[in-house]
């Protein structure tokens, strides 16, 4: 089975398409480039390799003049992969194109492809926690969907990454479209949850789960139930001693038993 397209291939294709926008009959603006690549339906490394060879065969009629500004080194990697014409310190406060948080005047960068307008962004590594719905969040969701381990757990506890707490609590459940969504759970009476918007955090959690044996995953689920008093399948409060002892409510236990019997 072919492997899924890699980030490196995607960034390279974006660069090639941007350079050849005039020859491909599209605008060099990023949205047009992304739409063009999306229409090509590139899912595997083989698809990407074939597209790269086709694009390389097209000699771009017009090339962007790439600046040698030292600020280029401060751009995030996926932006550096493009033919940025100019990069300056941002003169206006705007939302960051990547994380969705505001970039105050003079505290970030602005780049352009020439006459296509300016895009404001934080310097590499300076984006705060990405906002829900931002580009970084969408990239995290896409990565989770492509790399989510095929297991039946929903709510689980992991050793705290920051050390601020003993444990971090998460849920991994499908949305209405069937894609898996990773959320961080805040314990306590409110039992609040928020989507994991950081690609770095998403990779850390999912890769940790992928490395765990079945018994370790079971223990992570049970730890969630023991510490928060909630079902490790649906997240609801466990209301009787039997349910609390096993970490899962009676209804969810029946559903889980039925699913396991199918296997």
Protein backbone atom coordinates (compact mmCIF):
# COMPACT_ATOMS: atom_id res chain seq x y z
CA UNK A 1 0.00 0.00 0.00
CA UNK A 2 1.32 3.44 -0.94
CA UNK A 3 2.24 5.79 1.90
CA UNK A 4 0.29 9.06 2.36
CA UNK A 5 1.70 12.23 0.86
CA UNK A 6 4.34 13.82 3.10
CA UNK A 7 4.56 17.42 4.35
CA UNK A 8 7.82 17.83 2.44
CA UNK A 9 6.16 16.80 -0.82
CA UNK A 10 3.21 19.10 -0.16
CA UNK A 11 5.43 22.11 0.48
CA UNK A 12 7.50 21.36 -2.62
CA UNK A 13 4.36 21.09 -4.78
CA UNK A 14 3.08 24.39 -3.38
CA UNK A 15 6.38 26.01 -4.38
CA UNK A 16 6.30 24.50 -7.88
CA UNK A 17 2.69 25.47 -8.54
CA UNK A 18 3.29 29.03 -7.27
CA UNK A 19 6.25 29.43 -9.63
CA UNK A 20 4.21 28.11 -12.58
CA UNK A 21 0.89 29.81 -11.76
CA UNK A 22 0.83 31.84 -14.99
CA UNK A 23 1.54 28.75 -17.08
CA UNK A 24 -1.15 26.78 -15.26
CA UNK A 25 -3.74 29.50 -15.79
CA UNK A 26 -4.25 30.30 -12.10
CA UNK A 27 -3.44 33.13 -9.73
CA UNK A 28 -0.25 32.95 -7.71
CA UNK A 29 -2.23 33.82 -4.59
CA UNK A 30 -2.01 31.10 -1.96
CA UNK A 31 -5.73 30.28 -1.94
CA UNK A 32 -5.69 29.68 -5.70
CA UNK A 33 -2.59 27.50 -5.40
CA UNK A 34 -4.12 25.43 -2.58
CA UNK A 35 -7.38 25.02 -4.53
CA UNK A 36 -5.44 23.86 -7.59
CA UNK A 37 -3.54 21.26 -5.56
CA UNK A 38 -6.74 20.15 -3.80
CA UNK A 39 -8.46 19.57 -7.14
CA UNK A 40 -5.56 17.32 -8.15
CA UNK A 41 -6.53 14.91 -5.32
CA UNK A 42 -3.04 13.96 -4.21
CA UNK A 43 -3.32 11.30 -1.51
CA UNK A 44 -0.19 9.15 -1.74
CA UNK A 45 3.53 9.63 -2.19
CA UNK A 46 3.15 8.15 -5.67
CA UNK A 47 0.48 10.75 -6.58
CA UNK A 48 2.78 13.48 -5.28
CA UNK A 49 5.83 12.18 -7.18
CA UNK A 50 3.88 12.06 -10.44
CA UNK A 51 2.60 15.61 -9.92
CA UNK A 52 6.10 16.88 -9.09
CA UNK A 53 7.52 15.41 -12.31
CA UNK A 54 4.72 16.98 -14.37
CA UNK A 55 5.28 20.37 -12.76
CA UNK A 56 9.05 20.23 -13.17
CA UNK A 57 8.53 19.60 -16.87
CA UNK A 58 6.86 23.02 -17.14
CA UNK A 59 9.44 25.78 -17.44
CA UNK A 60 7.97 28.80 -15.60
CA UNK A 61 7.69 31.80 -17.89
CA UNK A 62 7.96 34.27 -15.02
CA UNK A 63 9.94 33.74 -11.84
CA UNK A 64 9.59 35.71 -8.65
CA UNK A 65 12.61 37.67 -7.57
CA UNK A 66 13.44 36.19 -4.18
CA UNK A 67 14.74 38.59 -1.57
CA UNK A 68 17.93 37.88 0.31
CA UNK A 69 16.61 39.61 3.43
CA UNK A 70 17.85 37.99 6.68
CA UNK A 71 14.21 38.08 7.81
CA UNK A 72 13.56 35.11 5.53
CA UNK A 73 15.26 32.90 8.11
CA UNK A 74 12.61 33.92 10.62
CA UNK A 75 9.73 32.71 8.46
CA UNK A 76 8.11 29.34 9.35
CA UNK A 77 9.39 26.43 7.25
CA UNK A 78 6.30 26.07 5.08
CA UNK A 79 6.53 29.75 4.12
CA UNK A 80 10.27 29.56 3.41
CA UNK A 81 9.49 26.79 0.91
CA UNK A 82 7.67 29.35 -1.26
CA UNK A 83 9.10 31.98 -3.56
CA UNK A 84 8.63 34.92 -1.20
CA UNK A 85 9.40 38.17 -3.01
CA UNK A 86 9.74 40.40 0.06
CA UNK A 87 9.76 39.93 3.82
CA UNK A 88 9.62 42.85 6.25
CA UNK A 89 8.69 43.60 9.85
CA UNK A 90 4.90 43.97 9.91
CA UNK A 91 3.71 47.58 9.81
CA UNK A 92 0.13 46.84 10.84
CA UNK A 93 -1.39 44.71 13.58
CA UNK A 94 -3.34 41.78 12.11
CA UNK A 95 -4.24 38.16 12.78
CA UNK A 96 -1.49 35.66 12.11
CA UNK A 97 -2.24 33.64 8.97
CA UNK A 98 -1.10 30.46 10.73
CA UNK A 99 -2.32 30.55 14.34
CA UNK A 100 -5.12 33.12 14.15
CA UNK A 101 -3.80 35.19 17.06
CA UNK A 102 -3.14 38.90 16.69
CA UNK A 103 0.32 40.04 15.64
CA UNK A 104 0.92 43.48 17.09
CA UNK A 105 2.55 46.13 14.92
CA UNK A 106 6.30 45.58 14.66
CA UNK A 107 6.28 42.28 16.55
CA UNK A 108 5.98 39.90 13.59
CA UNK A 109 6.60 39.60 9.87
CA UNK A 110 4.81 40.41 6.65
CA UNK A 111 5.63 38.75 3.34
CA UNK A 112 4.42 39.02 -0.23
CA UNK A 113 4.71 37.32 -3.60
CA UNK A 114 5.13 40.67 -5.31
CA UNK A 115 1.89 42.43 -6.24
CA UNK A 116 -0.36 39.88 -4.54
CA UNK A 117 -0.73 41.68 -1.21
CA UNK A 118 0.89 41.20 2.16
CA UNK A 119 0.37 38.34 4.61
CA UNK A 120 1.05 38.89 8.32
CA UNK A 121 2.53 36.14 10.43
CA UNK A 122 4.44 35.47 13.66
CA UNK A 123 8.12 34.70 13.34
CA UNK A 124 9.04 31.02 13.34
CA UNK A 125 8.34 29.43 16.73
CA UNK A 126 6.62 32.52 18.16
CA UNK A 127 2.98 31.60 17.52
CA UNK A 128 1.02 31.27 20.79
CA UNK A 129 -1.57 28.52 21.29
CA UNK A 130 -3.39 28.38 17.93
CA UNK A 131 -7.03 29.42 17.84
CA UNK A 132 -9.79 26.95 17.01
CA UNK A 133 -10.37 26.97 13.27
CA UNK A 134 -6.94 28.44 12.46
CA UNK A 135 -4.73 26.97 9.75
CA UNK A 136 -2.52 25.24 12.33
CA UNK A 137 -5.63 23.71 13.95
CA UNK A 138 -6.89 22.47 10.57
CA UNK A 139 -3.46 20.95 9.87
CA UNK A 140 -3.59 19.23 13.28
CA UNK A 141 -7.03 17.80 12.53
CA UNK A 142 -5.88 16.55 9.13
CA UNK A 143 -2.82 14.90 10.68
CA UNK A 144 -4.93 13.23 13.37
CA UNK A 145 -7.37 11.85 10.79
CA UNK A 146 -4.53 10.39 8.73
CA UNK A 147 -2.55 8.94 11.63
CA UNK A 148 -5.17 8.04 14.22
CA UNK A 149 -4.51 4.55 15.61
CA UNK A 150 -7.30 2.03 15.00
CA UNK A 151 -8.34 1.40 18.59
CA UNK A 152 -11.58 1.61 20.51
CA UNK A 153 -10.67 3.96 23.36
CA UNK A 154 -12.25 7.37 23.79
CA UNK A 155 -11.14 8.99 27.06
CA UNK A 156 -7.70 8.44 28.59
CA UNK A 157 -5.02 9.86 30.86
CA UNK A 158 -1.33 10.30 30.07
CA UNK A 159 1.59 11.44 32.24
CA UNK A 160 1.72 15.23 32.11
CA UNK A 161 4.01 16.61 29.43
CA UNK A 162 4.57 19.91 31.20
CA UNK A 163 4.91 18.56 34.72
CA UNK A 164 2.34 21.07 35.98
CA UNK A 165 0.04 18.15 36.80
CA UNK A 166 0.55 14.45 37.39
CA UNK A 167 -1.73 13.57 34.47
CA UNK A 168 -3.16 15.15 31.34
CA UNK A 169 -6.63 14.03 30.27
CA UNK A 170 -7.77 13.66 26.66
CA UNK A 171 -10.62 12.37 24.54
CA UNK A 172 -10.36 10.93 21.05
CA UNK A 173 -13.82 10.67 19.55
CA UNK A 174 -15.37 10.94 16.07
CA UNK A 175 -17.16 14.05 14.90
CA UNK A 176 -20.35 13.96 12.83
CA UNK A 177 -18.33 13.40 9.69
CA UNK A 178 -16.57 10.38 11.19
CA UNK A 179 -13.16 12.04 11.54
CA UNK A 180 -11.42 11.55 14.87
CA UNK A 181 -11.04 14.69 16.99
CA UNK A 182 -8.53 15.03 19.82
CA UNK A 183 -9.62 17.17 22.78
CA UNK A 184 -7.91 18.08 26.04
CA UNK A 185 -10.10 17.48 29.10
CA UNK A 186 -10.01 19.79 32.10
CA UNK A 187 -11.08 17.87 35.19
CA UNK A 188 -13.29 19.07 38.00
CA UNK A 189 -17.00 19.70 38.34
CA UNK A 190 -17.26 21.67 35.10
CA UNK A 191 -15.54 18.90 33.11
CA UNK A 192 -14.58 21.30 30.34
CA UNK A 193 -12.90 20.24 27.12
CA UNK A 194 -11.17 22.10 24.32
CA UNK A 195 -9.84 20.91 20.96
CA UNK A 196 -6.12 20.31 20.61
CA UNK A 197 -5.18 23.00 18.10
CA UNK A 198 -1.41 22.57 18.17
CA UNK A 199 0.03 20.18 15.60
CA UNK A 200 2.99 19.60 17.94
CA UNK A 201 0.72 18.51 20.80
CA UNK A 202 -1.44 16.40 18.50
CA UNK A 203 1.60 14.54 17.19
CA UNK A 204 2.98 14.03 20.69
CA UNK A 205 -0.27 12.53 22.02
CA UNK A 206 -1.12 10.36 19.00
CA UNK A 207 2.44 9.07 18.62
CA UNK A 208 2.46 8.21 22.32
CA UNK A 209 -0.74 6.21 21.89
CA UNK A 210 0.64 4.48 18.82
CA UNK A 211 3.64 3.30 20.87
CA UNK A 212 1.52 1.87 23.69
CA UNK A 213 0.55 -1.78 24.02
CA UNK A 214 -3.12 -2.72 24.42
CA UNK A 215 -2.64 -3.25 28.14
CA UNK A 216 -1.12 0.22 28.50
CA UNK A 217 -4.03 1.82 26.66
CA UNK A 218 -6.48 -0.04 28.92
CA UNK A 219 -4.59 1.30 31.93
CA UNK A 220 -4.69 4.85 30.52
CA UNK A 221 -8.46 4.57 30.12
CA UNK A 222 -8.92 3.20 33.62
CA UNK A 223 -6.71 5.96 35.02
CA UNK A 224 -9.01 8.53 33.42
CA UNK A 225 -12.07 6.90 35.03
CA UNK A 226 -10.43 6.49 38.43
CA UNK A 227 -9.20 10.07 38.62
CA UNK A 228 -12.26 11.87 37.24
CA UNK A 229 -15.04 9.42 38.16
CA UNK A 230 -16.25 9.33 34.56
CA UNK A 231 -16.78 6.65 31.95
CA UNK A 232 -13.72 6.13 29.74
CA UNK A 233 -15.98 5.55 26.73
CA UNK A 234 -18.52 8.40 26.84
CA UNK A 235 -17.14 10.72 29.55
CA UNK A 236 -20.33 10.73 31.62
CA UNK A 237 -20.31 10.53 35.41
CA UNK A 238 -20.21 6.98 36.82
CA UNK A 239 -23.16 6.68 39.20
CA UNK A 240 -22.76 3.28 40.89
CA UNK A 241 -20.02 1.30 42.56
CA UNK A 242 -19.87 -1.42 39.90
CA UNK A 243 -19.39 1.14 37.12
CA UNK A 244 -16.78 3.05 39.11
CA UNK A 245 -14.87 -0.14 39.80
CA UNK A 246 -14.60 -1.07 36.13
CA UNK A 247 -14.35 2.54 34.83
CA UNK A 248 -17.21 2.26 32.35
CA UNK A 249 -20.98 2.65 32.65
CA UNK A 250 -23.37 -0.26 32.15
CA UNK A 251 -24.70 0.98 28.77
CA UNK A 252 -21.22 1.58 27.40
CA UNK A 253 -20.04 -1.78 28.76
CA UNK A 254 -22.78 -3.54 26.79
CA UNK A 255 -21.92 -1.64 23.62
CA UNK A 256 -18.21 -2.37 24.03
CA UNK A 257 -18.91 -6.07 24.62
CA UNK A 258 -21.04 -6.19 21.46
CA UNK A 259 -18.28 -4.52 19.43
CA UNK A 260 -15.64 -6.90 20.73
CA UNK A 261 -17.81 -9.92 19.93
CA UNK A 262 -17.83 -8.87 16.27
CA UNK A 263 -14.03 -9.26 16.19
